[in-house]
Each structure stands twice: as C-alpha cells, then as structure tokens.
C-alpha cells in the first residue's frame, strides 16, 4: 500500500493515518528514519527505553572497559 505526504517549507511532514495505524504510533511517539540508499528510507517506531533499567546495568559493564579488553575484542 502506498501513501504520499507533502513536505512543508519547514521540512515537516504529516504521517498519513494509515501509516500511523500500521506503526501503532500516537502523538509523542518517536519515529526512526534509516536511509538505505539515495532514494530509499525505512521508517519504524522507536521502542520505549526503560531508563531505570539501563542506569542499573550500566555500572556492571565498567569491568569490561580496559585497554586489554578493547584489544582483545577489537576484531569482533
């Protein structure tokens, strides 16, 4: 299914209602735009981030932040 939208002079665009329904987005949600090529862009809905969880686990990764670890995992 194809839908069109016009870009305003400020670079804004209204996402067609059918696209909003397909993406299950509502006002305040965030869209991610991924440029695949010069004339192809994929748009998807960003998933909410659990900030408290990320803050809790971020400290556990500090044990892997050494020059030795960077060297060991550089080619992965």
PDB file of N, CA and C in Angstrom:
ATOM      1  N   UNK A   1       0.848  -1.168   0.000  1.00  0.00           N
ATOM      2  CA  UNK A   1       0.000   0.000   0.000  1.00  0.00           C
ATOM      3  C   UNK A   1       0.900   1.239   0.000  1.00  0.00           C
ATOM      4  N   UNK A   2       0.642   2.171  -0.873  1.00  0.00           N
ATOM      5  CA  UNK A   2       1.445   3.377  -0.994  1.00  0.00           C
ATOM      6  C   UNK A   2       0.651   4.595  -0.538  1.00  0.00           C
ATOM      7  N   UNK A   3       1.326   5.483   0.187  1.00  0.00           N
ATOM      8  CA  UNK A   3       0.709   6.729   0.650  1.00  0.00           C
ATOM      9  C   UNK A   3       1.678   7.854   0.370  1.00  0.00           C
ATOM     10  N   UNK A   4       1.151   9.041   0.157  1.00  0.00           N
ATOM     11  CA  UNK A   4       2.002  10.199  -0.109  1.00  0.00           C
ATOM     12  C   UNK A   4       1.779  11.269   0.952  1.00  0.00           C
ATOM     13  N   UNK A   5       2.795  12.100   1.121  1.00  0.00           N
ATOM     14  CA  UNK A   5       2.720  13.235   2.038  1.00  0.00           C
ATOM     15  C   UNK A   5       3.608  14.333   1.475  1.00  0.00           C
ATOM     16  N   UNK A   6       3.227  15.563   1.693  1.00  0.00           N
ATOM     17  CA  UNK A   6       3.971  16.709   1.178  1.00  0.00           C
ATOM     18  C   UNK A   6       4.812  17.325   2.297  1.00  0.00           C
ATOM     19  N   UNK A   7       6.040  17.698   1.972  1.00  0.00           N
ATOM     20  CA  UNK A   7       6.933  18.324   2.941  1.00  0.00           C
ATOM     21  C   UNK A   7       6.655  19.823   2.969  1.00  0.00           C
ATOM     22  N   UNK A   8       6.519  20.374   4.177  1.00  0.00           N
ATOM     23  CA  UNK A   8       6.264  21.807   4.321  1.00  0.00           C
ATOM     24  C   UNK A   8       7.555  22.588   4.122  1.00  0.00           C
ATOM     25  N   UNK A   9       7.432  23.912   4.076  1.00  0.00           N
ATOM     26  CA  UNK A   9       8.614  24.768   3.920  1.00  0.00           C
ATOM     27  C   UNK A   9       9.558  24.650   5.113  1.00  0.00           C
ATOM     28  N   UNK A  10       9.054  24.162   6.251  1.00  0.00           N
ATOM     29  CA  UNK A  10       9.882  23.960   7.445  1.00  0.00           C
ATOM     30  C   UNK A  10      10.435  22.536   7.529  1.00  0.00           C
ATOM     31  N   UNK A  11      10.225  21.726   6.488  1.00  0.00           N
ATOM     32  CA  UNK A  11      10.716  20.356   6.480  1.00  0.00           C
ATOM     33  C   UNK A  11       9.835  19.389   7.245  1.00  0.00           C
ATOM     34  N   UNK A  12       8.624  19.806   7.572  1.00  0.00           N
ATOM     35  CA  UNK A  12       7.720  18.950   8.329  1.00  0.00           C
ATOM     36  C   UNK A  12       6.829  18.153   7.375  1.00  0.00           C
ATOM     37  N   UNK A  13       6.406  16.994   7.839  1.00  0.00           N
ATOM     38  CA  UNK A  13       5.521  16.147   7.048  1.00  0.00           C
ATOM     39  C   UNK A  13       4.484  15.532   7.980  1.00  0.00           C
ATOM     40  N   UNK A  14       3.269  15.369   7.484  1.00  0.00           N
ATOM     41  CA  UNK A  14       2.226  14.695   8.244  1.00  0.00           C
ATOM     42  C   UNK A  14       2.249  13.228   7.857  1.00  0.00           C
ATOM     43  N   UNK A  15       2.390  12.362   8.833  1.00  0.00           N
ATOM     44  CA  UNK A  15       2.401  10.931   8.569  1.00  0.00           C
ATOM     45  C   UNK A  15       0.949  10.506   8.324  1.00  0.00           C
ATOM     46  N   UNK A  16       0.677   9.908   7.171  1.00  0.00           N
ATOM     47  CA  UNK A  16      -0.709   9.508   6.868  1.00  0.00           C
ATOM     48  C   UNK A  16      -1.290   8.596   7.950  1.00  0.00           C
ATOM     49  N   UNK A  17      -2.591   8.711   8.180  1.00  0.00           N
ATOM     50  CA  UNK A  17      -3.237   7.956   9.250  1.00  0.00           C
ATOM     51  C   UNK A  17      -3.056   6.452   9.086  1.00  0.00           C
ATOM     52  N   UNK A  18      -3.087   5.952   7.848  1.00  0.00           N
ATOM     53  CA  UNK A  18      -2.894   4.514   7.630  1.00  0.00           C
ATOM     54  C   UNK A  18      -1.503   4.065   8.064  1.00  0.00           C
ATOM     55  N   UNK A  19      -0.510   4.919   7.842  1.00  0.00           N
ATOM     56  CA  UNK A  19       0.861   4.604   8.248  1.00  0.00           C
ATOM     57  C   UNK A  19       0.969   4.652   9.768  1.00  0.00           C
ATOM     58  N   UNK A  20       0.344   5.652  10.392  1.00  0.00           N
ATOM     59  CA  UNK A  20       0.351   5.736  11.861  1.00  0.00           C
ATOM     60  C   UNK A  20      -0.285   4.494  12.475  1.00  0.00           C
ATOM     61  N   UNK A  21      -1.377   4.042  11.889  1.00  0.00           N
ATOM     62  CA  UNK A  21      -2.040   2.834  12.399  1.00  0.00           C
ATOM     63  C   UNK A  21      -1.141   1.609  12.214  1.00  0.00           C
ATOM     64  N   UNK A  22      -0.507   1.486  11.056  1.00  0.00           N
ATOM     65  CA  UNK A  22       0.361   0.338  10.794  1.00  0.00           C
ATOM     66  C   UNK A  22       1.541   0.301  11.759  1.00  0.00           C
ATOM     67  N   UNK A  23       2.089   1.480  12.081  1.00  0.00           N
ATOM     68  CA  UNK A  23       3.215   1.560  13.009  1.00  0.00           C
ATOM     69  C   UNK A  23       2.774   1.560  14.470  1.00  0.00           C
ATOM     70  N   UNK A  24       1.475   1.691  14.691  1.00  0.00           N
ATOM     71  CA  UNK A  24       0.900   1.774  16.034  1.00  0.00           C
ATOM     72  C   UNK A  24       1.528   2.914  16.827  1.00  0.00           C
ATOM     73  N   UNK A  25       1.565   4.103  16.206  1.00  0.00           N
ATOM     74  CA  UNK A  25       2.129   5.274  16.872  1.00  0.00           C
ATOM     75  C   UNK A  25       1.034   6.247  17.246  1.00  0.00           C
ATOM     76  N   UNK A  26       1.356   7.058  18.238  1.00  0.00           N
ATOM     77  CA  UNK A  26       0.435   8.082  18.709  1.00  0.00           C
ATOM     78  C   UNK A  26       1.238   9.348  18.965  1.00  0.00           C
ATOM     79  N   UNK A  27       0.576  10.485  19.200  1.00  0.00           N
ATOM     80  CA  UNK A  27       1.312  11.725  19.457  1.00  0.00           C
ATOM     81  C   UNK A  27       2.325  11.547  20.582  1.00  0.00           C
ATOM     82  N   UNK A  28       3.540  12.029  20.351  1.00  0.00           N
ATOM     83  CA  UNK A  28       4.609  11.923  21.335  1.00  0.00           C
ATOM     84  C   UNK A  28       5.533  10.743  21.086  1.00  0.00           C
ATOM     85  N   UNK A  29       5.107   9.756  20.285  1.00  0.00           N
ATOM     86  CA  UNK A  29       5.977   8.629  19.965  1.00  0.00           C
ATOM     87  C   UNK A  29       7.102   9.100  19.054  1.00  0.00           C
ATOM     88  N   UNK A  30       8.162   8.323  19.000  1.00  0.00           N
ATOM     89  CA  UNK A  30       9.338   8.674  18.218  1.00  0.00           C
ATOM     90  C   UNK A  30       9.450   7.731  17.023  1.00  0.00           C
ATOM     91  N   UNK A  31       9.754   8.302  15.858  1.00  0.00           N
ATOM     92  CA  UNK A  31       9.995   7.512  14.655  1.00  0.00           C
ATOM     93  C   UNK A  31      11.482   7.517  14.344  1.00  0.00           C
ATOM     94  N   UNK A  32      11.975   6.400  13.856  1.00  0.00           N
ATOM     95  CA  UNK A  32      13.372   6.275  13.448  1.00  0.00           C
ATOM     96  C   UNK A  32      13.407   6.202  11.931  1.00  0.00           C
ATOM     97  N   UNK A  33      14.254   7.020  11.321  1.00  0.00           N
ATOM     98  CA  UNK A  33      14.401   7.075   9.863  1.00  0.00           C
ATOM     99  C   UNK A  33      15.761   6.482   9.518  1.00  0.00           C
ATOM    100  N   UNK A  34      15.773   5.421   8.724  1.00  0.00           N
ATOM    101  CA  UNK A  34      17.023   4.768   8.325  1.00  0.00           C
ATOM    102  C   UNK A  34      17.186   4.924   6.808  1.00  0.00           C
ATOM    103  N   UNK A  35      18.230   5.654   6.399  1.00  0.00           N
ATOM    104  CA  UNK A  35      18.487   5.875   4.979  1.00  0.00           C
ATOM    105  C   UNK A  35      19.230   4.655   4.441  1.00  0.00           C
ATOM    106  N   UNK A  36      18.582   3.928   3.524  1.00  0.00           N
ATOM    107  CA  UNK A  36      19.196   2.743   2.929  1.00  0.00           C
ATOM    108  C   UNK A  36      19.957   3.078   1.657  1.00  0.00           C
ATOM    109  N   UNK A  37      19.477   4.040   0.922  1.00  0.00           N
ATOM    110  CA  UNK A  37      20.144   4.457  -0.308  1.00  0.00           C
ATOM    111  C   UNK A  37      19.683   5.869  -0.635  1.00  0.00           C
ATOM    112  N   UNK A  38      20.137   6.370  -1.783  1.00  0.00           N
ATOM    113  CA  UNK A  38      19.814   7.739  -2.185  1.00  0.00           C
ATOM    114  C   UNK A  38      18.310   7.996  -2.279  1.00  0.00           C
ATOM    115  N   UNK A  39      17.548   6.981  -2.648  1.00  0.00           N
ATOM    116  CA  UNK A  39      16.106   7.189  -2.823  1.00  0.00           C
ATOM    117  C   UNK A  39      15.243   6.200  -2.037  1.00  0.00           C
ATOM    118  N   UNK A  40      15.808   5.626  -0.968  1.00  0.00           N
ATOM    119  CA  UNK A  40      15.032   4.678  -0.148  1.00  0.00           C
ATOM    120  C   UNK A  40      15.314   4.907   1.334  1.00  0.00           C
ATOM    121  N   UNK A  41      14.228   5.125   2.093  1.00  0.00           N
ATOM    122  CA  UNK A  41      14.308   5.339   3.539  1.00  0.00           C
ATOM    123  C   UNK A  41      13.273   4.439   4.212  1.00  0.00           C
ATOM    124  N   UNK A  42      13.681   3.801   5.291  1.00  0.00           N
ATOM    125  CA  UNK A  42      12.774   2.963   6.074  1.00  0.00           C
ATOM    126  C   UNK A  42      12.435   3.708   7.350  1.00  0.00           C
ATOM    127  N   UNK A  43      11.149   3.743   7.689  1.00  0.00           N
ATOM    128  CA  UNK A  43      10.689   4.404   8.908  1.00  0.00           C
ATOM    129  C   UNK A  43      10.114   3.343   9.832  1.00  0.00           C
ATOM    130  N   UNK A  44      10.520   3.404  11.107  1.00  0.00           N
ATOM    131  CA  UNK A  44       9.959   2.475  12.076  1.00  0.00           C
ATOM    132  C   UNK A  44       9.721   3.197  13.391  1.00  0.00           C
ATOM    133  N   UNK A  45       8.913   2.583  14.210  1.00  0.00           N
ATOM    134  CA  UNK A  45       8.596   3.138  15.524  1.00  0.00           C
ATOM    135  C   UNK A  45       9.716   2.792  16.487  1.00  0.00           C
ATOM    136  N   UNK A  46      10.151   3.774  17.261  1.00  0.00           N
ATOM    137  CA  UNK A  46      11.157   3.526  18.299  1.00  0.00           C
ATOM    138  C   UNK A  46      10.460   2.902  19.496  1.00  0.00           C
ATOM    139  N   UNK A  47      11.068   1.909  20.047  1.00  0.00           N
ATOM    140  CA  UNK A  47      10.539   1.275  21.255  1.00  0.00           C
ATOM    141  C   UNK A  47      10.915   2.113  22.469  1.00  0.00           C
ATOM    142  N   UNK A  48      10.030   2.221  23.451  1.00  0.00           N
ATOM    143  CA  UNK A  48      10.363   2.974  24.664  1.00  0.00           C
ATOM    144  C   UNK A  48      11.558   2.338  25.375  1.00  0.00           C
ATOM    145  N   UNK A  49      12.371   3.158  25.980  1.00  0.00           N
ATOM    146  CA  UNK A  49      13.552   2.702  26.698  1.00  0.00           C
ATOM    147  C   UNK A  49      13.277   2.750  28.194  1.00  0.00           C
ATOM    148  N   UNK A  50      13.628   1.688  28.875  1.00  0.00           N
ATOM    149  CA  UNK A  50      13.493   1.648  30.332  1.00  0.00           C
ATOM    150  C   UNK A  50      14.757   2.280  30.918  1.00  0.00           C
ATOM    151  N   UNK A  51      14.697   3.581  31.176  1.00  0.00           N
ATOM    152  CA  UNK A  51      15.856   4.342  31.638  1.00  0.00           C
ATOM    153  C   UNK A  51      16.368   3.832  32.969  1.00  0.00           C
ATOM    154  N   UNK A  52      15.476   3.458  33.876  1.00  0.00           N
ATOM    155  CA  UNK A  52      15.903   2.957  35.181  1.00  0.00           C
ATOM    156  C   UNK A  52      16.701   1.662  35.033  1.00  0.00           C
ATOM    157  N   UNK A  53      16.249   0.777  34.150  1.00  0.00           N
ATOM    158  CA  UNK A  53      16.971  -0.479  33.921  1.00  0.00           C
ATOM    159  C   UNK A  53      18.357  -0.204  33.340  1.00  0.00           C
ATOM    160  N   UNK A  54      18.424   0.678  32.351  1.00  0.00           N
ATOM    161  CA  UNK A  54      19.715   0.995  31.743  1.00  0.00           C
ATOM    162  C   UNK A  54      20.681   1.601  32.756  1.00  0.00           C
ATOM    163  N   UNK A  55      20.163   2.450  33.629  1.00  0.00           N
ATOM    164  CA  UNK A  55      21.009   3.050  34.657  1.00  0.00           C
ATOM    165  C   UNK A  55      21.520   1.976  35.621  1.00  0.00           C
ATOM    166  N   UNK A  56      20.678   1.007  35.927  1.00  0.00           N
ATOM    167  CA  UNK A  56      21.062  -0.047  36.865  1.00  0.00           C
ATOM    168  C   UNK A  56      22.138  -0.959  36.290  1.00  0.00           C
ATOM    169  N   UNK A  57      22.040  -1.296  35.015  1.00  0.00           N
ATOM    170  CA  UNK A  57      23.014  -2.230  34.432  1.00  0.00           C
ATOM    171  C   UNK A  57      24.253  -1.542  33.887  1.00  0.00           C
ATOM    172  N   UNK A  58      24.213  -0.247  33.689  1.00  0.00           N
ATOM    173  CA  UNK A  58      25.357   0.436  33.074  1.00  0.00           C
ATOM    174  C   UNK A  58      26.618   0.295  33.912  1.00  0.00           C
ATOM    175  N   UNK A  59      26.492   0.260  35.218  1.00  0.00           N
ATOM    176  CA  UNK A  59      27.651   0.102  36.084  1.00  0.00           C
ATOM    177  C   UNK A  59      28.296  -1.266  35.979  1.00  0.00           C
ATOM    178  N   UNK A  60      27.524  -2.265  35.585  1.00  0.00           N
ATOM    179  CA  UNK A  60      28.081  -3.618  35.506  1.00  0.00           C
ATOM    180  C   UNK A  60      28.995  -3.792  34.302  1.00  0.00           C
ATOM    181  N   UNK A  61      28.896  -2.936  33.312  1.00  0.00           N
ATOM    182  CA  UNK A  61      29.725  -3.067  32.124  1.00  0.00           C
ATOM    183  C   UNK A  61      31.084  -2.388  32.281  1.00  0.00           C
ATOM    184  N   UNK A  62      31.269  -1.638  33.338  1.00  0.00           N
ATOM    185  CA  UNK A  62      32.529  -0.918  33.512  1.00  0.00           C
ATOM    186  C   UNK A  62      33.709  -1.861  33.706  1.00  0.00           C
ATOM    187  N   UNK A  63      33.464  -3.069  34.174  1.00  0.00           N
ATOM    188  CA  UNK A  63      34.557  -4.021  34.372  1.00  0.00           C
ATOM    189  C   UNK A  63      35.179  -4.471  33.050  1.00  0.00           C
ATOM    190  N   UNK A  64      34.493  -4.235  31.934  1.00  0.00           N
ATOM    191  CA  UNK A  64      34.995  -4.642  30.620  1.00  0.00           C
ATOM    192  C   UNK A  64      35.558  -3.457  29.843  1.00  0.00           C
ATOM    193  N   UNK A  65      35.828  -2.363  30.499  1.00  0.00           N
ATOM    194  CA  UNK A  65      36.300  -1.159  29.819  1.00  0.00           C
ATOM    195  C   UNK A  65      37.770  -0.911  30.091  1.00  0.00           C
ATOM    196  N   UNK A  66      38.611  -1.837  29.665  1.00  0.00           N
ATOM    197  CA  UNK A  66      40.040  -1.643  29.836  1.00  0.00           C
ATOM    198  C   UNK A  66      40.709  -1.694  28.462  1.00  0.00           C
ATOM    199  N   UNK A  67      41.939  -1.228  28.406  1.00  0.00           N
ATOM    200  CA  UNK A  67      42.696  -1.275  27.148  1.00  0.00           C
ATOM    201  C   UNK A  67      42.881  -2.718  26.694  1.00  0.00           C
ATOM    202  N   UNK A  68      43.067  -3.628  27.643  1.00  0.00           N
ATOM    203  CA  UNK A  68      43.234  -5.040  27.306  1.00  0.00           C
ATOM    204  C   UNK A  68      41.965  -5.605  26.668  1.00  0.00           C
ATOM    205  N   UNK A  69      40.809  -5.250  27.222  1.00  0.00           N
ATOM    206  CA  UNK A  69      39.539  -5.713  26.650  1.00  0.00           C
ATOM    207  C   UNK A  69      39.331  -5.138  25.255  1.00  0.00           C
ATOM    208  N   UNK A  70      39.611  -3.851  25.096  1.00  0.00           N
ATOM    209  CA  UNK A  70      39.466  -3.238  23.778  1.00  0.00           C
ATOM    210  C   UNK A  70      40.339  -3.947  22.755  1.00  0.00           C
ATOM    211  N   UNK A  71      41.546  -4.297  23.141  1.00  0.00           N
ATOM    212  CA  UNK A  71      42.458  -5.007  22.230  1.00  0.00           C
ATOM    213  C   UNK A  71      41.926  -6.414  21.925  1.00  0.00           C
ATOM    214  N   UNK A  72      41.477  -7.122  22.943  1.00  0.00           N
ATOM    215  CA  UNK A  72      41.007  -8.496  22.774  1.00  0.00           C
ATOM    216  C   UNK A  72      39.768  -8.583  21.903  1.00  0.00           C
ATOM    217  N   UNK A  73      38.880  -7.597  21.994  1.00  0.00           N
ATOM    218  CA  UNK A  73      37.606  -7.658  21.278  1.00  0.00           C
ATOM    219  C   UNK A  73      37.571  -6.771  20.037  1.00  0.00           C
ATOM    220  N   UNK A  74      38.686  -6.163  19.670  1.00  0.00           N
ATOM    221  CA  UNK A  74      38.734  -5.213  18.564  1.00  0.00           C
ATOM    222  C   UNK A  74      38.258  -5.810  17.251  1.00  0.00           C
ATOM    223  N   UNK A  75      38.578  -7.057  16.957  1.00  0.00           N
ATOM    224  CA  UNK A  75      38.250  -7.672  15.668  1.00  0.00           C
ATOM    225  C   UNK A  75      36.917  -8.387  15.635  1.00  0.00           C
ATOM    226  N   UNK A  76      36.140  -8.316  16.693  1.00  0.00           N
ATOM    227  CA  UNK A  76      34.835  -8.996  16.710  1.00  0.00           C
ATOM    228  C   UNK A  76      33.807  -8.259  15.916  1.00  0.00           C
TER     229      UNK A  76
END
